[in-house]
Amino acid sequence: MRTILLAAAISALPQPIPQVPAAAAPAILTPEEAAAQALAAFMPSGFTALANQIIPVVVGGPQDTFVPNVVTAAVGDVVQFQFSNGNHTVTQSDQNAACQPLQATVATAVHSGHIPFVDGQATVGTFSMPIVNTDPMFLYCATGPHCQEGQVLIINPANTQQIVDYAKLSAASGKSGDGTSVVGGTVAQIPLELAAFTPAPAEAATPPPAAAAPAVPADPAAAPAAPVAPVDPAASSAAAANPASVITLTLPPIAAPAATDAAAAGSSTTTVFVTVPAPGA
């Protein structure tokens, strides 16, 4: 009875929380090492294999695309997806269900998971996928609207028209579906200088709008504007009566003949209005 009570007392004490180790970052490898790692995952234990050839495919970049978007590969080749600017996936779909993960019905369907690349990054995420058969494989990016915008790829298409039809079907599809787990290849990192692309230049920040210049208050000590000269009423009346130009002439004093009266002889100036016809009148 005492033993049972002791066990109960011990189990009632606070127990330490188990520590779960953080997931290790993918190893930084050469493209050849990353391809060999992917092949090793598909080989029986103890066997070593080298890829017939490594076929690089750039994912993302200035445009959301796969470059190239058609690949011909043989069994034993490794298609190595190298992830450029943005956040992208390599996800397998059925030929007639574009932008929807085949993994929803086929557990072994390919999905890379989301692999980002940001400005200033010194390494490039990769997804190396060994080719195990030459059947056509339909792939797309499951990030946002990338699939609808044309980020699709076919490995070993049956004909050249197939990529055109698949792209049209993708553009007409609704929201993309995402895969659930990484299947069909291995994730790693390679140095940026060994990648098959040059990252897009970082976008320049938009400068803030310039501040408006402060209003300058009027100087109260400034001299007032010069007064406007009064208009001659007689000239105004003449101008209103005749739209032609009116010129006012002031003549010098005119000497009066002896026969004129004294009042006329005493005039100092004479004002004459001359009407000049308007041009074209």
C-alpha atoms as a PDB file:
ATOM      1  CA  MET A   1       0.000   0.000   0.000  1.00  0.00           C
ATOM      2  CA  ARG A   2       2.857   2.343   0.814  1.00  0.00           C
ATOM      3  CA  THR A   3       4.500   1.620  -2.536  1.00  0.00           C
ATOM      4  CA  ILE A   4       1.353   2.515  -4.435  1.00  0.00           C
ATOM      5  CA  LEU A   5       0.996   5.755  -2.517  1.00  0.00           C
ATOM      6  CA  LEU A   6       4.642   6.624  -3.221  1.00  0.00           C
ATOM      7  CA  ALA A   7       4.210   6.025  -6.940  1.00  0.00           C
ATOM      8  CA  ALA A   8       1.106   8.182  -6.962  1.00  0.00           C
ATOM      9  CA  ALA A   9       2.937  10.950  -5.151  1.00  0.00           C
ATOM     10  CA  ILE A  10       5.821  10.846  -7.640  1.00  0.00           C
ATOM     11  CA  SER A  11       3.492  10.953 -10.645  1.00  0.00           C
ATOM     12  CA  ALA A  12       1.764  13.985  -9.165  1.00  0.00           C
ATOM     13  CA  LEU A  13       5.009  15.973  -9.164  1.00  0.00           C
ATOM     14  CA  PRO A  14       5.617  18.394 -12.078  1.00  0.00           C
ATOM     15  CA  GLN A  15       7.250  16.511 -14.936  1.00  0.00           C
ATOM     16  CA  PRO A  16       9.901  18.069 -17.199  1.00  0.00           C
ATOM     17  CA  ILE A  17       8.657  19.130 -20.644  1.00  0.00           C
ATOM     18  CA  PRO A  18      10.403  17.081 -23.329  1.00  0.00           C
ATOM     19  CA  GLN A  19      12.554  19.244 -25.608  1.00  0.00           C
ATOM     20  CA  VAL A  20      11.923  18.756 -29.325  1.00  0.00           C
ATOM     21  CA  PRO A  21      15.018  19.606 -31.373  1.00  0.00           C
ATOM     22  CA  ALA A  22      14.510  22.273 -34.017  1.00  0.00           C
ATOM     23  CA  ALA A  23      14.519  21.107 -37.603  1.00  0.00           C
ATOM     24  CA  ALA A  24      17.983  21.418 -39.087  1.00  0.00           C
ATOM     25  CA  ALA A  25      18.447  23.776 -42.017  1.00  0.00           C
ATOM     26  CA  PRO A  26      19.133  22.029 -45.333  1.00  0.00           C
ATOM     27  CA  ALA A  27      22.806  21.329 -45.897  1.00  0.00           C
ATOM     28  CA  ILE A  28      24.734  23.631 -48.237  1.00  0.00           C
ATOM     29  CA  LEU A  29      25.944  21.419 -51.079  1.00  0.00           C
ATOM     30  CA  THR A  30      27.199  21.717 -54.614  1.00  0.00           C
ATOM     31  CA  PRO A  31      24.591  21.048 -57.326  1.00  0.00           C
ATOM     32  CA  GLU A  32      26.230  17.655 -57.930  1.00  0.00           C
ATOM     33  CA  GLU A  33      26.120  16.743 -54.240  1.00  0.00           C
ATOM     34  CA  ALA A  34      22.463  17.775 -54.023  1.00  0.00           C
ATOM     35  CA  ALA A  35      21.641  15.574 -57.026  1.00  0.00           C
ATOM     36  CA  ALA A  36      23.541  12.621 -55.561  1.00  0.00           C
ATOM     37  CA  GLN A  37      21.696  13.098 -52.272  1.00  0.00           C
ATOM     38  CA  ALA A  38      18.375  12.927 -54.104  1.00  0.00           C
ATOM     39  CA  LEU A  39      19.378   9.768 -55.974  1.00  0.00           C
ATOM     40  CA  ALA A  40      20.589   8.134 -52.767  1.00  0.00           C
ATOM     41  CA  ALA A  41      17.129   8.569 -51.265  1.00  0.00           C
ATOM     42  CA  PHE A  42      15.727   6.358 -54.035  1.00  0.00           C
ATOM     43  CA  MET A  43      18.503   3.733 -53.995  1.00  0.00           C
ATOM     44  CA  PRO A  44      18.720   0.645 -51.779  1.00  0.00           C
ATOM     45  CA  SER A  45      20.952   1.015 -48.752  1.00  0.00           C
ATOM     46  CA  GLY A  46      24.637   0.664 -49.555  1.00  0.00           C
ATOM     47  CA  PHE A  47      24.332   1.672 -53.222  1.00  0.00           C
ATOM     48  CA  THR A  48      25.798   4.846 -54.652  1.00  0.00           C
ATOM     49  CA  ALA A  49      24.550   6.408 -57.868  1.00  0.00           C
ATOM     50  CA  LEU A  50      25.515   9.385 -59.972  1.00  0.00           C
ATOM     51  CA  ALA A  51      23.023  11.300 -62.079  1.00  0.00           C
ATOM     52  CA  ASN A  52      23.185  10.753 -65.813  1.00  0.00           C
ATOM     53  CA  GLN A  53      22.808  14.510 -66.054  1.00  0.00           C
ATOM     54  CA  ILE A  54      21.624  17.345 -63.838  1.00  0.00           C
ATOM     55  CA  ILE A  55      18.957  19.477 -65.501  1.00  0.00           C
ATOM     56  CA  PRO A  56      18.592  22.869 -63.742  1.00  0.00           C
ATOM     57  CA  VAL A  57      15.209  24.595 -63.776  1.00  0.00           C
ATOM     58  CA  VAL A  58      14.906  28.135 -62.375  1.00  0.00           C
ATOM     59  CA  VAL A  59      11.767  28.703 -60.314  1.00  0.00           C
ATOM     60  CA  GLY A  60      10.505  32.289 -59.975  1.00  0.00           C
ATOM     61  CA  GLY A  61      12.601  35.409 -60.434  1.00  0.00           C
ATOM     62  CA  PRO A  62      11.500  38.702 -62.032  1.00  0.00           C
ATOM     63  CA  GLN A  63       8.479  36.821 -63.421  1.00  0.00           C
ATOM     64  CA  ASP A  64       6.608  33.930 -61.814  1.00  0.00           C
ATOM     65  CA  THR A  65       7.687  31.222 -64.250  1.00  0.00           C
ATOM     66  CA  PHE A  66       9.625  27.993 -64.657  1.00  0.00           C
ATOM     67  CA  VAL A  67      12.643  28.375 -66.958  1.00  0.00           C
ATOM     68  CA  PRO A  68      12.515  26.242 -69.012  1.00  0.00           C
ATOM     69  CA  ASN A  69       8.860  25.229 -68.828  1.00  0.00           C
ATOM     70  CA  VAL A  70       9.347  22.076 -70.925  1.00  0.00           C
ATOM     71  CA  VAL A  71      11.989  19.487 -69.982  1.00  0.00           C
ATOM     72  CA  THR A  72      13.008  16.240 -71.646  1.00  0.00           C
ATOM     73  CA  ALA A  73      14.700  13.886 -69.174  1.00  0.00           C
ATOM     74  CA  ALA A  74      15.749  10.234 -69.141  1.00  0.00           C
ATOM     75  CA  VAL A  75      15.520   7.742 -66.303  1.00  0.00           C
ATOM     76  CA  GLY A  76      18.472   8.419 -64.009  1.00  0.00           C
ATOM     77  CA  ASP A  77      18.575  12.157 -64.713  1.00  0.00           C
ATOM     78  CA  VAL A  78      17.960  14.598 -61.884  1.00  0.00           C
ATOM     79  CA  VAL A  79      15.845  17.688 -62.484  1.00  0.00           C
ATOM     80  CA  GLN A  80      17.153  20.257 -60.021  1.00  0.00           C
ATOM     81  CA  PHE A  81      14.740  23.098 -59.271  1.00  0.00           C
ATOM     82  CA  GLN A  82      16.603  26.223 -58.107  1.00  0.00           C
ATOM     83  CA  PHE A  83      14.385  28.779 -56.367  1.00  0.00           C
ATOM     84  CA  SER A  84      14.889  32.430 -57.334  1.00  0.00           C
ATOM     85  CA  ASN A  85      13.147  35.603 -56.063  1.00  0.00           C
ATOM     86  CA  GLY A  86       9.838  35.083 -54.293  1.00  0.00           C
ATOM     87  CA  ASN A  87       8.277  32.069 -52.597  1.00  0.00           C
ATOM     88  CA  HIS A  88       7.418  29.123 -54.814  1.00  0.00           C
ATOM     89  CA  THR A  89       6.652  25.401 -54.934  1.00  0.00           C
ATOM     90  CA  VAL A  90       6.997  22.535 -57.380  1.00  0.00           C
ATOM     91  CA  THR A  91       3.713  20.635 -57.124  1.00  0.00           C
ATOM     92  CA  GLN A  92       2.424  17.813 -59.324  1.00  0.00           C
ATOM     93  CA  SER A  93      -1.092  17.838 -60.760  1.00  0.00           C
ATOM     94  CA  ASP A  94      -3.136  15.646 -63.036  1.00  0.00           C
ATOM     95  CA  GLN A  95      -3.136  16.657 -66.692  1.00  0.00           C
ATOM     96  CA  ASN A  96      -6.828  17.536 -66.539  1.00  0.00           C
ATOM     97  CA  ALA A  97      -6.843  19.130 -63.061  1.00  0.00           C
ATOM     98  CA  ALA A  98      -4.412  22.025 -63.393  1.00  0.00           C
ATOM     99  CA  CYS A  99      -3.431  23.898 -60.215  1.00  0.00           C
ATOM    100  CA  GLN A 100      -4.767  21.109 -57.980  1.00  0.00           C
ATOM    101  CA  PRO A 101      -2.369  18.781 -56.106  1.00  0.00           C
ATOM    102  CA  LEU A 102      -2.284  15.189 -57.300  1.00  0.00           C
ATOM    103  CA  GLN A 103      -1.069  14.412 -53.781  1.00  0.00           C
ATOM    104  CA  ALA A 104      -4.682  14.707 -52.610  1.00  0.00           C
ATOM    105  CA  THR A 105      -5.377  11.333 -54.248  1.00  0.00           C
ATOM    106  CA  VAL A 106      -1.886   9.896 -54.888  1.00  0.00           C
ATOM    107  CA  ALA A 107       0.342   9.986 -51.815  1.00  0.00           C
ATOM    108  CA  THR A 108       3.552   9.637 -53.846  1.00  0.00           C
ATOM    109  CA  ALA A 109       2.855  12.670 -56.069  1.00  0.00           C
ATOM    110  CA  VAL A 110       5.597  15.302 -56.135  1.00  0.00           C
ATOM    111  CA  HIS A 111       5.587  18.352 -53.862  1.00  0.00           C
ATOM    112  CA  SER A 112       8.604  20.433 -52.834  1.00  0.00           C
ATOM    113  CA  GLY A 113       7.033  22.551 -50.122  1.00  0.00           C
ATOM    114  CA  HIS A 114       7.384  26.347 -50.187  1.00  0.00           C
ATOM    115  CA  ILE A 115      10.975  27.479 -50.741  1.00  0.00           C
ATOM    116  CA  PRO A 116      11.650  31.254 -50.545  1.00  0.00           C
ATOM    117  CA  PHE A 117      14.465  33.453 -51.815  1.00  0.00           C
ATOM    118  CA  VAL A 118      14.922  36.983 -50.454  1.00  0.00           C
ATOM    119  CA  ASP A 119      17.168  39.873 -51.505  1.00  0.00           C
ATOM    120  CA  GLY A 120      20.688  39.544 -50.147  1.00  0.00           C
ATOM    121  CA  GLN A 121      20.485  35.786 -49.643  1.00  0.00           C
ATOM    122  CA  ALA A 122      23.847  34.004 -50.187  1.00  0.00           C
ATOM    123  CA  THR A 123      22.392  30.538 -50.789  1.00  0.00           C
ATOM    124  CA  VAL A 124      19.724  29.138 -53.103  1.00  0.00           C
ATOM    125  CA  GLY A 125      17.117  26.593 -52.069  1.00  0.00           C
ATOM    126  CA  THR A 126      16.904  23.532 -54.311  1.00  0.00           C
ATOM    127  CA  PHE A 127      14.554  20.610 -54.849  1.00  0.00           C
ATOM    128  CA  SER A 128      16.333  17.770 -56.654  1.00  0.00           C
ATOM    129  CA  MET A 129      13.966  15.257 -58.251  1.00  0.00           C
ATOM    130  CA  PRO A 130      15.285  12.001 -59.773  1.00  0.00           C
ATOM    131  CA  ILE A 131      13.495  10.833 -62.915  1.00  0.00           C
ATOM    132  CA  VAL A 132      12.212   7.287 -62.394  1.00  0.00           C
ATOM    133  CA  ASN A 133      10.113   6.993 -65.575  1.00  0.00           C
ATOM    134  CA  THR A 134       9.508   8.952 -68.752  1.00  0.00           C
ATOM    135  CA  ASP A 135       5.763   9.475 -68.391  1.00  0.00           C
ATOM    136  CA  PRO A 136       4.601  13.102 -68.819  1.00  0.00           C
ATOM    137  CA  MET A 137       4.649  14.929 -65.492  1.00  0.00           C
ATOM    138  CA  PHE A 138       2.559  18.078 -64.981  1.00  0.00           C
ATOM    139  CA  LEU A 139       3.886  20.548 -62.416  1.00  0.00           C
ATOM    140  CA  TYR A 140       2.828  23.987 -61.143  1.00  0.00           C
ATOM    141  CA  CYS A 141       3.547  26.518 -58.390  1.00  0.00           C
ATOM    142  CA  ALA A 142       0.969  26.413 -55.604  1.00  0.00           C
ATOM    143  CA  THR A 143       1.765  29.894 -54.238  1.00  0.00           C
ATOM    144  CA  GLY A 144      -1.066  32.428 -54.606  1.00  0.00           C
ATOM    145  CA  PRO A 145      -2.193  32.955 -58.221  1.00  0.00           C
ATOM    146  CA  HIS A 146       1.149  31.870 -59.758  1.00  0.00           C
ATOM    147  CA  CYS A 147      -0.370  28.820 -61.461  1.00  0.00           C
ATOM    148  CA  GLN A 148      -3.180  30.874 -63.016  1.00  0.00           C
ATOM    149  CA  GLU A 149      -0.555  33.392 -64.187  1.00  0.00           C
ATOM    150  CA  GLY A 150       1.329  30.710 -66.121  1.00  0.00           C
ATOM    151  CA  GLN A 151       3.866  29.212 -63.699  1.00  0.00           C
ATOM    152  CA  VAL A 152       3.515  25.660 -65.031  1.00  0.00           C
ATOM    153  CA  LEU A 153       5.904  23.025 -66.388  1.00  0.00           C
ATOM    154  CA  ILE A 154       5.759  19.651 -68.128  1.00  0.00           C
ATOM    155  CA  ILE A 155       8.500  17.048 -67.972  1.00  0.00           C
ATOM    156  CA  ASN A 156       8.535  14.723 -71.003  1.00  0.00           C
ATOM    157  CA  PRO A 157       5.394  16.060 -72.729  1.00  0.00           C
ATOM    158  CA  ALA A 158       3.799  13.812 -75.337  1.00  0.00           C
ATOM    159  CA  ASN A 159       3.875  16.657 -77.894  1.00  0.00           C
ATOM    160  CA  THR A 160       4.539  20.382 -78.170  1.00  0.00           C
ATOM    161  CA  GLN A 161       0.842  21.278 -77.907  1.00  0.00           C
ATOM    162  CA  GLN A 162       0.550  19.767 -74.431  1.00  0.00           C
ATOM    163  CA  ILE A 163       2.226  22.689 -72.628  1.00  0.00           C
ATOM    164  CA  VAL A 164      -0.049  25.148 -74.456  1.00  0.00           C
ATOM    165  CA  ASP A 165      -3.175  23.252 -73.434  1.00  0.00           C
ATOM    166  CA  TYR A 166      -1.962  22.853 -69.846  1.00  0.00           C
ATOM    167  CA  ALA A 167      -1.210  26.585 -69.553  1.00  0.00           C
ATOM    168  CA  LYS A 168      -4.675  27.478 -70.872  1.00  0.00           C
ATOM    169  CA  LEU A 169      -6.310  25.076 -68.432  1.00  0.00           C
ATOM    170  CA  SER A 170      -4.281  26.589 -65.590  1.00  0.00           C
ATOM    171  CA  ALA A 171      -5.259  30.153 -66.532  1.00  0.00           C
ATOM    172  CA  ALA A 172      -8.940  29.195 -66.452  1.00  0.00           C
ATOM    173  CA  SER A 173      -8.741  27.394 -63.099  1.00  0.00           C
ATOM    174  CA  GLY A 174      -9.830  28.843 -59.768  1.00  0.00           C
ATOM    175  CA  LYS A 175      -7.799  29.025 -56.580  1.00  0.00           C
ATOM    176  CA  SER A 176      -4.711  26.795 -56.478  1.00  0.00           C
ATOM    177  CA  GLY A 177      -4.473  23.849 -54.106  1.00  0.00           C
ATOM    178  CA  ASP A 178      -1.342  23.149 -52.054  1.00  0.00           C
ATOM    179  CA  GLY A 179       0.474  19.903 -51.337  1.00  0.00           C
ATOM    180  CA  THR A 180       0.723  18.562 -47.803  1.00  0.00           C
ATOM    181  CA  SER A 181       4.212  17.025 -47.525  1.00  0.00           C
ATOM    182  CA  VAL A 182       7.558  17.012 -49.322  1.00  0.00           C
ATOM    183  CA  VAL A 183       7.604  13.998 -51.655  1.00  0.00           C
ATOM    184  CA  GLY A 184       9.490  12.990 -54.786  1.00  0.00           C
ATOM    185  CA  GLY A 185      12.811  14.729 -54.182  1.00  0.00           C
ATOM    186  CA  THR A 186      15.105  16.227 -51.578  1.00  0.00           C
ATOM    187  CA  VAL A 187      15.494  19.816 -50.384  1.00  0.00           C
ATOM    188  CA  ALA A 188      18.963  21.341 -50.032  1.00  0.00           C
ATOM    189  CA  GLN A 189      20.865  24.590 -50.522  1.00  0.00           C
ATOM    190  CA  ILE A 190      23.623  25.514 -52.952  1.00  0.00           C
ATOM    191  CA  PRO A 191      25.855  28.628 -52.947  1.00  0.00           C
ATOM    192  CA  LEU A 192      24.409  31.491 -54.967  1.00  0.00           C
ATOM    193  CA  GLU A 193      27.511  31.647 -57.175  1.00  0.00           C
ATOM    194  CA  LEU A 194      26.838  28.061 -58.353  1.00  0.00           C
ATOM    195  CA  ALA A 195      23.193  28.700 -59.232  1.00  0.00           C
ATOM    196  CA  ALA A 196      21.885  28.811 -62.800  1.00  0.00           C
ATOM    197  CA  PHE A 197      20.523  32.355 -62.415  1.00  0.00           C
ATOM    198  CA  THR A 198      21.373  35.863 -61.286  1.00  0.00           C
ATOM    199  CA  PRO A 199      18.857  37.228 -58.755  1.00  0.00           C
ATOM    200  CA  ALA A 200      16.627  40.096 -59.814  1.00  0.00           C
ATOM    201  CA  PRO A 201      17.913  43.446 -58.482  1.00  0.00           C
ATOM    202  CA  ALA A 202      16.295  44.712 -55.321  1.00  0.00           C
ATOM    203  CA  GLU A 203      13.501  47.190 -55.915  1.00  0.00           C
ATOM    204  CA  ALA A 204      14.395  50.782 -55.000  1.00  0.00           C
ATOM    205  CA  ALA A 205      12.288  52.297 -52.260  1.00  0.00           C
ATOM    206  CA  THR A 206       9.866  54.979 -53.411  1.00  0.00           C
ATOM    207  CA  PRO A 207      11.043  58.362 -52.035  1.00  0.00           C
ATOM    208  CA  PRO A 208       8.539  60.242 -49.862  1.00  0.00           C
ATOM    209  CA  PRO A 209       6.812  63.241 -51.486  1.00  0.00           C
ATOM    210  CA  ALA A 210       8.619  66.558 -51.059  1.00  0.00           C
ATOM    211  CA  ALA A 211       7.245  68.815 -48.342  1.00  0.00           C
ATOM    212  CA  ALA A 212       5.408  71.915 -49.574  1.00  0.00           C
ATOM    213  CA  ALA A 213       7.285  75.204 -49.125  1.00  0.00           C
ATOM    214  CA  PRO A 214       5.889  77.296 -46.238  1.00  0.00           C
ATOM    215  CA  ALA A 215       3.851  80.359 -47.183  1.00  0.00           C
ATOM    216  CA  VAL A 216       5.770  83.647 -46.886  1.00  0.00           C
ATOM    217  CA  PRO A 217       3.734  86.332 -45.046  1.00  0.00           C
ATOM    218  CA  ALA A 218       3.429  89.728 -46.707  1.00  0.00           C
ATOM    219  CA  ASP A 219       5.864  92.368 -45.448  1.00  0.00           C
ATOM    220  CA  PRO A 220       3.757  95.095 -43.787  1.00  0.00           C
ATOM    221  CA  ALA A 221       6.552  97.581 -44.476  1.00  0.00           C
ATOM    222  CA  ALA A 222       6.433  96.949 -48.213  1.00  0.00           C
ATOM    223  CA  ALA A 223       5.373  99.931 -50.328  1.00  0.00           C
ATOM    224  CA  PRO A 224       1.763  99.831 -51.567  1.00  0.00           C
ATOM    225  CA  ALA A 225       1.110  99.218 -55.220  1.00  0.00           C
ATOM    226  CA  ALA A 226       1.191 102.281 -57.474  1.00  0.00           C
ATOM    227  CA  PRO A 227      -2.263 103.788 -58.031  1.00  0.00           C
ATOM    228  CA  VAL A 228      -3.903 103.206 -61.386  1.00  0.00           C
ATOM    229  CA  ALA A 229      -4.182 106.355 -63.534  1.00  0.00           C
ATOM    230  CA  PRO A 230      -7.796 107.564 -63.976  1.00  0.00           C
ATOM    231  CA  VAL A 231      -9.424 106.961 -67.335  1.00  0.00           C
ATOM    232  CA  ASP A 232     -10.396 110.005 -69.467  1.00  0.00           C
ATOM    233  CA  PRO A 233     -14.259 109.927 -69.595  1.00  0.00           C
ATOM    234  CA  ALA A 234     -14.321 111.527 -73.024  1.00  0.00           C
ATOM    235  CA  ALA A 235     -11.975 108.899 -74.435  1.00  0.00           C
ATOM    236  CA  SER A 236     -14.013 106.118 -72.851  1.00  0.00           C
ATOM    237  CA  SER A 237     -17.236 107.486 -74.410  1.00  0.00           C
ATOM    238  CA  ALA A 238     -15.665 107.680 -77.830  1.00  0.00           C
ATOM    239  CA  ALA A 239     -14.258 104.176 -77.580  1.00  0.00           C
ATOM    240  CA  ALA A 240     -17.619 102.780 -76.536  1.00  0.00           C
ATOM    241  CA  ALA A 241     -19.395 104.520 -79.431  1.00  0.00           C
ATOM    242  CA  ASN A 242     -16.905 103.270 -82.011  1.00  0.00           C
ATOM    243  CA  PRO A 243     -15.033  99.975 -81.607  1.00  0.00           C
ATOM    244  CA  ALA A 244     -12.196 101.453 -83.669  1.00  0.00           C
ATOM    245  CA  SER A 245      -9.114 102.671 -81.817  1.00  0.00           C
ATOM    246  CA  VAL A 246      -9.278 106.201 -80.356  1.00  0.00           C
ATOM    247  CA  ILE A 247      -6.121 108.286 -80.067  1.00  0.00           C
ATOM    248  CA  THR A 248      -6.048 111.492 -78.024  1.00  0.00           C
ATOM    249  CA  LEU A 249      -3.681 114.198 -79.288  1.00  0.00           C
ATOM    250  CA  THR A 250      -2.821 117.341 -77.332  1.00  0.00           C
ATOM    251  CA  LEU A 251      -1.612 120.113 -79.668  1.00  0.00           C
ATOM    252  CA  PRO A 252       0.609 123.057 -78.709  1.00  0.00           C
ATOM    253  CA  PRO A 253      -0.887 126.583 -78.455  1.00  0.00           C
ATOM    254  CA  ILE A 254      -2.000 128.038 -81.794  1.00  0.00           C
ATOM    255  CA  ALA A 255      -1.530 131.761 -82.433  1.00  0.00           C
ATOM    256  CA  ALA A 256      -4.872 133.465 -83.106  1.00  0.00           C
ATOM    257  CA  PRO A 257      -5.256 135.747 -86.153  1.00  0.00           C
ATOM    258  CA  ALA A 258      -5.873 139.377 -85.447  1.00  0.00           C
ATOM    259  CA  ALA A 259      -9.502 139.118 -86.522  1.00  0.00           C
ATOM    260  CA  THR A 260     -10.374 136.434 -83.923  1.00  0.00           C
ATOM    261  CA  ASP A 261     -11.758 137.409 -80.588  1.00  0.00           C
ATOM    262  CA  ALA A 262      -9.551 137.716 -77.570  1.00  0.00           C
ATOM    263  CA  ALA A 263     -10.982 134.602 -75.853  1.00  0.00           C
ATOM    264  CA  ALA A 264      -9.967 132.342 -78.711  1.00  0.00           C
ATOM    265  CA  ALA A 265      -6.536 133.911 -78.810  1.00  0.00           C
ATOM    266  CA  GLY A 266      -6.019 133.107 -75.129  1.00  0.00           C
ATOM    267  CA  SER A 267      -6.459 129.325 -75.506  1.00  0.00           C
ATOM    268  CA  SER A 268      -3.350 127.471 -74.398  1.00  0.00           C
ATOM    269  CA  THR A 269      -3.934 123.927 -75.797  1.00  0.00           C
ATOM    270  CA  THR A 270      -6.308 122.173 -78.134  1.00  0.00           C
ATOM    271  CA  THR A 271      -7.359 118.477 -77.696  1.00  0.00           C
ATOM    272  CA  VAL A 272      -8.388 116.526 -80.816  1.00  0.00           C
ATOM    273  CA  PHE A 273      -9.855 112.995 -80.879  1.00  0.00           C
ATOM    274  CA  VAL A 274      -8.757 110.981 -83.919  1.00  0.00           C
ATOM    275  CA  THR A 275     -10.592 107.761 -84.734  1.00  0.00           C
ATOM    276  CA  VAL A 276      -8.429 105.106 -86.392  1.00  0.00           C
ATOM    277  CA  PRO A 277     -10.336 102.319 -88.124  1.00  0.00           C
ATOM    278  CA  ALA A 278      -9.756  98.873 -86.673  1.00  0.00           C
ATOM    279  CA  PRO A 279      -7.706  96.465 -88.815  1.00  0.00           C
ATOM    280  CA  GLY A 280      -9.847  94.865 -91.497  1.00  0.00           C
ATOM    281  CA  ALA A 281     -12.639  97.442 -91.094  1.00  0.00           C
END
